[in-house]
Amino acid sequence: TSMRPPSMQEWSNCKELLEGRVQVQWDIKDEDVWIRVSARITEDQYVAFGLSGLEGKAQMAGGDVVVVGYDKKKKKFIAEDYYMSDTTQCDGRKGVCPDERVGGKNDATLIHGDRKNGVTI
């Protein structure tokens, strides 16, 4: 599988989720789903994007998401797989937790991160 993301012109799908704030582009290449999240956020904010915990309805509890953003302390972009058993802070067993902290694995792979004009990609 190629680790080269599609160019700006190659993305098959695009959806603005929060007007002027969050845009998601995606494409399917072989067995992989490539997702690009662009967000107008500050360096100390993040965006979580993923699947609802309830089919056919938006629900955080039970959701499987990827958290993306910029870690100012480590000076690097992040993409981390989270499971949200409920909407409380992670206690190591339940809550909004990185998959690796509750016995799963991080299935998200960060290919590229960039920040220009207040937009984190």
C-alpha atoms as a PDB file:
ATOM      1  CA  THR A   1       0.000   0.000   0.000  1.00  0.00           C
ATOM      2  CA  SER A   2       1.320   3.428  -0.932  1.00  0.00           C
ATOM      3  CA  MET A   3       1.839   5.925   1.875  1.00  0.00           C
ATOM      4  CA  ARG A   4       1.471   8.872  -0.521  1.00  0.00           C
ATOM      5  CA  PRO A   5      -1.734  10.795   0.220  1.00  0.00           C
ATOM      6  CA  PRO A   6      -3.873  11.975  -2.683  1.00  0.00           C
ATOM      7  CA  SER A   7      -3.027  15.435  -3.995  1.00  0.00           C
ATOM      8  CA  MET A   8      -5.475  18.286  -3.387  1.00  0.00           C
ATOM      9  CA  GLN A   9      -7.151  17.558  -6.734  1.00  0.00           C
ATOM     10  CA  GLU A  10      -7.398  13.769  -6.243  1.00  0.00           C
ATOM     11  CA  TRP A  11      -9.768  13.613  -3.252  1.00  0.00           C
ATOM     12  CA  SER A  12     -13.054  12.008  -4.354  1.00  0.00           C
ATOM     13  CA  ASN A  13     -15.223  13.279  -1.509  1.00  0.00           C
ATOM     14  CA  CYS A  14     -15.436  16.455   0.553  1.00  0.00           C
ATOM     15  CA  LYS A  15     -17.834  17.585   3.279  1.00  0.00           C
ATOM     16  CA  GLU A  16     -17.834  20.744   5.392  1.00  0.00           C
ATOM     17  CA  LEU A  17     -18.965  19.656   8.862  1.00  0.00           C
ATOM     18  CA  LEU A  18     -18.803  22.974  10.703  1.00  0.00           C
ATOM     19  CA  GLU A  19     -19.203  25.964   8.406  1.00  0.00           C
ATOM     20  CA  GLY A  20     -15.885  27.733   7.978  1.00  0.00           C
ATOM     21  CA  ARG A  21     -14.253  25.591  10.702  1.00  0.00           C
ATOM     22  CA  VAL A  22     -13.969  21.884   9.831  1.00  0.00           C
ATOM     23  CA  GLN A  23     -13.741  20.179   6.436  1.00  0.00           C
ATOM     24  CA  VAL A  24     -13.254  16.458   5.817  1.00  0.00           C
ATOM     25  CA  GLN A  25     -12.008  14.965   2.560  1.00  0.00           C
ATOM     26  CA  TRP A  26     -11.778  11.236   1.960  1.00  0.00           C
ATOM     27  CA  ASP A  27     -10.884   8.686  -0.648  1.00  0.00           C
ATOM     28  CA  ILE A  28     -10.648   4.912  -0.806  1.00  0.00           C
ATOM     29  CA  LYS A  29      -7.411   3.471  -2.199  1.00  0.00           C
ATOM     30  CA  ASP A  30      -7.289  -0.322  -2.386  1.00  0.00           C
ATOM     31  CA  GLU A  31      -8.029  -1.495   1.184  1.00  0.00           C
ATOM     32  CA  ASP A  32      -7.265   1.853   2.830  1.00  0.00           C
ATOM     33  CA  VAL A  33      -9.468   4.824   3.616  1.00  0.00           C
ATOM     34  CA  TRP A  34      -7.539   8.104   3.388  1.00  0.00           C
ATOM     35  CA  ILE A  35      -9.012  10.963   5.401  1.00  0.00           C
ATOM     36  CA  ARG A  36      -7.845  14.574   5.499  1.00  0.00           C
ATOM     37  CA  VAL A  37      -9.275  16.806   8.205  1.00  0.00           C
ATOM     38  CA  SER A  38      -8.754  20.560   7.822  1.00  0.00           C
ATOM     39  CA  ALA A  39      -9.722  22.682  10.811  1.00  0.00           C
ATOM     40  CA  ARG A  40      -9.569  26.358  11.695  1.00  0.00           C
ATOM     41  CA  ILE A  41      -8.319  25.829  15.251  1.00  0.00           C
ATOM     42  CA  THR A  42      -5.621  27.264  17.506  1.00  0.00           C
ATOM     43  CA  GLU A  43      -2.458  25.303  18.289  1.00  0.00           C
ATOM     44  CA  ASP A  44      -3.870  24.227  21.657  1.00  0.00           C
ATOM     45  CA  GLN A  45      -7.102  22.813  20.207  1.00  0.00           C
ATOM     46  CA  TYR A  46      -7.877  19.510  18.509  1.00  0.00           C
ATOM     47  CA  VAL A  47     -10.563  17.997  16.299  1.00  0.00           C
ATOM     48  CA  ALA A  48     -12.094  14.543  16.735  1.00  0.00           C
ATOM     49  CA  PHE A  49     -13.702  12.873  13.745  1.00  0.00           C
ATOM     50  CA  GLY A  50     -15.154   9.398  13.525  1.00  0.00           C
ATOM     51  CA  LEU A  51     -18.043   7.003  13.695  1.00  0.00           C
ATOM     52  CA  SER A  52     -21.092   7.517  15.881  1.00  0.00           C
ATOM     53  CA  GLY A  53     -21.803   5.146  18.724  1.00  0.00           C
ATOM     54  CA  LEU A  54     -25.305   4.604  17.320  1.00  0.00           C
ATOM     55  CA  GLU A  55     -26.086   3.696  13.724  1.00  0.00           C
ATOM     56  CA  GLY A  56     -28.117   6.357  11.931  1.00  0.00           C
ATOM     57  CA  LYS A  57     -27.768   8.961  14.696  1.00  0.00           C
ATOM     58  CA  ALA A  58     -25.006  11.229  15.997  1.00  0.00           C
ATOM     59  CA  GLN A  59     -23.958   9.978  19.426  1.00  0.00           C
ATOM     60  CA  MET A  60     -20.631  10.400  21.207  1.00  0.00           C
ATOM     61  CA  ALA A  61     -20.962   7.512  23.686  1.00  0.00           C
ATOM     62  CA  GLY A  62     -19.811   4.338  21.942  1.00  0.00           C
ATOM     63  CA  GLY A  63     -18.091   6.359  19.223  1.00  0.00           C
ATOM     64  CA  ASP A  64     -14.795   5.454  17.583  1.00  0.00           C
ATOM     65  CA  VAL A  65     -12.838   8.565  16.588  1.00  0.00           C
ATOM     66  CA  VAL A  66      -9.444   9.859  15.573  1.00  0.00           C
ATOM     67  CA  VAL A  67      -8.208  12.928  17.421  1.00  0.00           C
ATOM     68  CA  VAL A  68      -6.050  15.216  15.275  1.00  0.00           C
ATOM     69  CA  GLY A  69      -4.185  18.377  16.130  1.00  0.00           C
ATOM     70  CA  TYR A  70      -0.802  19.814  17.031  1.00  0.00           C
ATOM     71  CA  ASP A  71       1.039  18.953  20.245  1.00  0.00           C
ATOM     72  CA  LYS A  72       2.811  22.211  21.184  1.00  0.00           C
ATOM     73  CA  LYS A  73       4.911  20.572  23.904  1.00  0.00           C
ATOM     74  CA  LYS A  74       6.259  17.865  21.574  1.00  0.00           C
ATOM     75  CA  LYS A  75       6.165  20.199  18.538  1.00  0.00           C
ATOM     76  CA  LYS A  76       4.519  17.607  16.315  1.00  0.00           C
ATOM     77  CA  PHE A  77       1.187  16.805  14.700  1.00  0.00           C
ATOM     78  CA  ILE A  78      -0.891  13.972  16.137  1.00  0.00           C
ATOM     79  CA  ALA A  79      -3.503  11.494  14.944  1.00  0.00           C
ATOM     80  CA  GLU A  80      -4.623   9.131  17.692  1.00  0.00           C
ATOM     81  CA  ASP A  81      -7.372   6.521  17.766  1.00  0.00           C
ATOM     82  CA  TYR A  82      -9.874   6.926  20.636  1.00  0.00           C
ATOM     83  CA  TYR A  83     -12.873   4.956  21.856  1.00  0.00           C
ATOM     84  CA  MET A  84     -15.560   6.819  23.799  1.00  0.00           C
ATOM     85  CA  SER A  85     -17.377   4.420  26.113  1.00  0.00           C
ATOM     86  CA  ASP A  86     -19.069   7.513  27.573  1.00  0.00           C
ATOM     87  CA  THR A  87     -18.485  11.276  27.675  1.00  0.00           C
ATOM     88  CA  THR A  88     -16.407  11.431  30.868  1.00  0.00           C
ATOM     89  CA  GLN A  89     -12.649  11.884  31.152  1.00  0.00           C
ATOM     90  CA  CYS A  90     -10.704   8.651  30.680  1.00  0.00           C
ATOM     91  CA  ASP A  91      -9.995   6.832  33.939  1.00  0.00           C
ATOM     92  CA  GLY A  92      -8.031   4.021  32.272  1.00  0.00           C
ATOM     93  CA  ARG A  93     -11.076   1.775  31.858  1.00  0.00           C
ATOM     94  CA  LYS A  94     -13.888   3.978  30.588  1.00  0.00           C
ATOM     95  CA  GLY A  95     -14.547   7.449  29.259  1.00  0.00           C
ATOM     96  CA  VAL A  96     -12.927   9.201  26.304  1.00  0.00           C
ATOM     97  CA  CYS A  97      -9.748   7.113  26.077  1.00  0.00           C
ATOM     98  CA  PRO A  98      -6.954   6.453  23.603  1.00  0.00           C
ATOM     99  CA  ASP A  99      -7.517   2.923  22.286  1.00  0.00           C
ATOM    100  CA  GLU A 100      -4.062   1.859  23.507  1.00  0.00           C
ATOM    101  CA  ARG A 101      -4.946   2.877  27.069  1.00  0.00           C
ATOM    102  CA  VAL A 102      -7.982   0.561  27.192  1.00  0.00           C
ATOM    103  CA  GLY A 103      -6.483  -2.535  25.569  1.00  0.00           C
ATOM    104  CA  GLY A 104      -6.906  -1.615  21.903  1.00  0.00           C
ATOM    105  CA  LYS A 105      -4.431  -0.342  19.347  1.00  0.00           C
ATOM    106  CA  ASN A 106      -3.933   2.928  17.541  1.00  0.00           C
ATOM    107  CA  ASP A 107      -5.268   2.223  14.041  1.00  0.00           C
ATOM    108  CA  ALA A 108      -4.704   5.826  12.904  1.00  0.00           C
ATOM    109  CA  THR A 109      -1.584   6.675  10.921  1.00  0.00           C
ATOM    110  CA  LEU A 110      -0.496  10.274  10.574  1.00  0.00           C
ATOM    111  CA  ILE A 111       0.840  10.772   7.059  1.00  0.00           C
ATOM    112  CA  HIS A 112       1.271  14.529   7.046  1.00  0.00           C
ATOM    113  CA  GLY A 113       0.505  17.559   9.186  1.00  0.00           C
ATOM    114  CA  ASP A 114       0.686  21.243   8.333  1.00  0.00           C
ATOM    115  CA  ARG A 115      -0.502  24.539   9.741  1.00  0.00           C
ATOM    116  CA  LYS A 116      -0.978  27.686   7.654  1.00  0.00           C
ATOM    117  CA  ASN A 117      -3.045  30.831   8.201  1.00  0.00           C
ATOM    118  CA  GLY A 118      -4.751  29.376  11.285  1.00  0.00           C
ATOM    119  CA  VAL A 119      -5.754  26.124   9.556  1.00  0.00           C
ATOM    120  CA  THR A 120      -4.393  22.791  10.764  1.00  0.00           C
ATOM    121  CA  ILE A 121      -4.363  19.970   8.196  1.00  0.00           C
END
